[in-house]
Protein backbone atom coordinates (compact mmCIF):
# COMPACT_ATOMS: atom_id res chain seq x y z
CA MET A 1 23.38 -5.34 10.38
CA ALA A 2 22.36 -5.37 6.94
CA ASN A 3 20.05 -8.65 5.70
CA LYS A 4 21.78 -11.64 3.00
CA ARG A 5 18.95 -10.58 0.72
CA TYR A 6 20.30 -6.89 0.38
CA GLU A 7 24.11 -7.50 0.20
CA SER A 8 23.64 -9.98 -2.44
CA GLY A 9 21.63 -7.23 -4.38
CA ARG A 10 24.03 -4.60 -3.32
CA ARG A 11 27.15 -6.64 -5.23
CA PHE A 12 25.40 -7.01 -7.57
CA GLU A 13 24.14 -3.72 -8.72
CA GLN A 14 28.23 -2.81 -7.97
CA ARG A 15 29.28 -5.34 -10.62
CA ILE A 16 27.06 -3.63 -12.81
CA ARG A 17 28.52 -0.36 -11.49
CA LYS A 18 31.85 -1.28 -12.16
CA ARG A 19 30.82 -2.62 -15.51
CA LEU A 20 29.38 0.45 -17.14
CA LYS A 21 32.28 2.56 -16.05
CA ALA A 22 34.65 0.59 -17.44
CA MET A 23 32.65 0.97 -20.73
CA GLY A 24 32.86 5.01 -20.45
CA PHE A 25 29.92 5.64 -18.48
CA PHE A 26 29.54 8.27 -15.47
CA VAL A 27 27.69 6.25 -12.86
CA VAL A 28 26.33 7.07 -10.06
CA ARG A 29 23.80 5.10 -7.26
CA GLY A 30 20.49 5.99 -6.07
CA ALA A 31 20.13 7.00 -2.69
CA GLY A 32 18.08 3.81 -0.93
CA SER A 33 17.73 2.92 -4.96
CA LYS A 34 14.77 5.72 -5.30
CA PRO A 35 13.61 6.13 -7.74
CA VAL A 36 16.03 3.23 -9.58
CA ASP A 37 19.62 1.41 -8.77
CA LEU A 38 21.58 3.53 -10.87
CA VAL A 39 21.99 6.41 -13.32
CA ALA A 40 24.32 6.18 -16.18
CA ILE A 41 25.83 8.75 -18.03
CA LYS A 42 27.17 9.52 -21.41
CA GLY A 43 27.70 11.06 -24.14
CA GLY A 44 25.17 13.95 -22.68
CA ARG A 45 22.69 11.00 -22.68
CA VAL A 46 21.07 9.70 -19.44
CA ALA A 47 20.04 5.79 -18.47
CA LEU A 48 17.96 5.04 -15.28
CA ILE A 49 18.84 1.07 -14.54
CA GLU A 50 16.63 -0.71 -11.91
CA CYS A 51 19.26 -3.54 -10.75
CA LYS A 52 17.51 -6.92 -10.32
CA LYS A 53 19.46 -10.39 -9.03
CA THR A 54 17.83 -12.79 -11.06
CA ARG A 55 15.12 -12.31 -13.59
CA LYS A 56 12.49 -13.50 -11.39
CA LEU A 57 12.08 -10.36 -9.26
CA ILE A 58 10.92 -8.75 -12.37
CA THR A 59 7.28 -7.37 -12.20
CA THR A 60 4.72 -5.99 -14.59
CA ASP A 61 4.80 -3.29 -11.96
CA THR A 62 8.07 -2.78 -12.35
CA ARG A 63 8.35 -2.15 -16.13
CA LEU A 64 5.44 0.05 -16.41
CA TYR A 65 6.80 2.06 -13.70
CA LEU A 66 10.24 2.00 -15.58
CA GLU A 67 8.59 2.90 -18.63
CA THR A 68 6.29 5.69 -16.94
CA LEU A 69 9.06 6.93 -15.87
CA GLY A 70 11.06 7.45 -18.87
CA ARG A 71 8.58 8.48 -20.66
CA GLN A 72 7.76 11.94 -17.64
CA LEU A 73 11.62 12.51 -17.84
CA GLY A 74 12.65 11.52 -21.58
CA VAL A 75 15.49 9.15 -20.26
CA GLU A 76 16.30 5.75 -21.14
CA THR A 77 15.21 2.90 -18.63
CA VAL A 78 16.97 -0.25 -18.14
CA LEU A 79 16.14 -3.59 -16.90
CA ALA A 80 19.88 -5.27 -15.43
CA TYR A 81 19.74 -8.72 -14.32
CA ASN A 82 21.33 -11.97 -13.85
CA TYR A 83 20.46 -14.89 -15.78
CA LYS A 84 22.61 -18.56 -15.79
CA ASN A 85 25.37 -16.05 -14.37
CA ARG A 86 25.53 -13.58 -17.13
CA ILE A 87 24.26 -10.11 -17.06
CA PHE A 88 21.51 -9.05 -19.42
CA PHE A 89 20.42 -5.49 -19.80
CA GLU A 90 16.85 -4.60 -21.50
CA VAL A 91 15.96 -1.82 -22.69
CA VAL A 92 12.15 -0.99 -20.85
CA TYR A 93 11.90 2.75 -22.54
CA SER A 94 14.30 4.69 -24.65
CA PRO A 95 13.51 8.13 -26.51
CA TYR A 96 16.69 8.01 -28.16
CA GLU A 97 17.07 6.36 -31.73
CA LYS A 98 19.53 4.12 -30.86
CA PRO A 99 19.19 3.54 -27.42
CA LEU A 100 22.32 3.84 -24.98
CA LEU A 101 22.63 0.46 -23.52
CA GLU A 102 21.60 -1.27 -26.85
CA GLY A 103 23.51 -4.05 -27.87
CA LEU A 104 24.92 -5.06 -24.34
CA GLY A 105 22.61 -7.82 -24.08
CA LYS A 106 24.81 -10.53 -22.20
CA SER A 107 28.64 -10.61 -20.86
């Protein structure tokens, strides 16, 4: 049986996935959350998304990993987290003039 933290995190990922799909993104979950939790595609552009249930779980290492991954692959990398019962999307790196997930800060 999966532990409560895992289940809570997975439910949060599903919430993010559902929201992105409703906005027209094609979204897949990373197997075992590796290298990221979600991959979102829209208009031929790609965003790799790491979901954290709270922003307290976001470390400097996580940000550095996402920035490096985005630069290496030439794709947008994003942190999605919950703060005061609202979802926030933070673009860590984007090769695009206008980031794919820009302007989706709160909901």
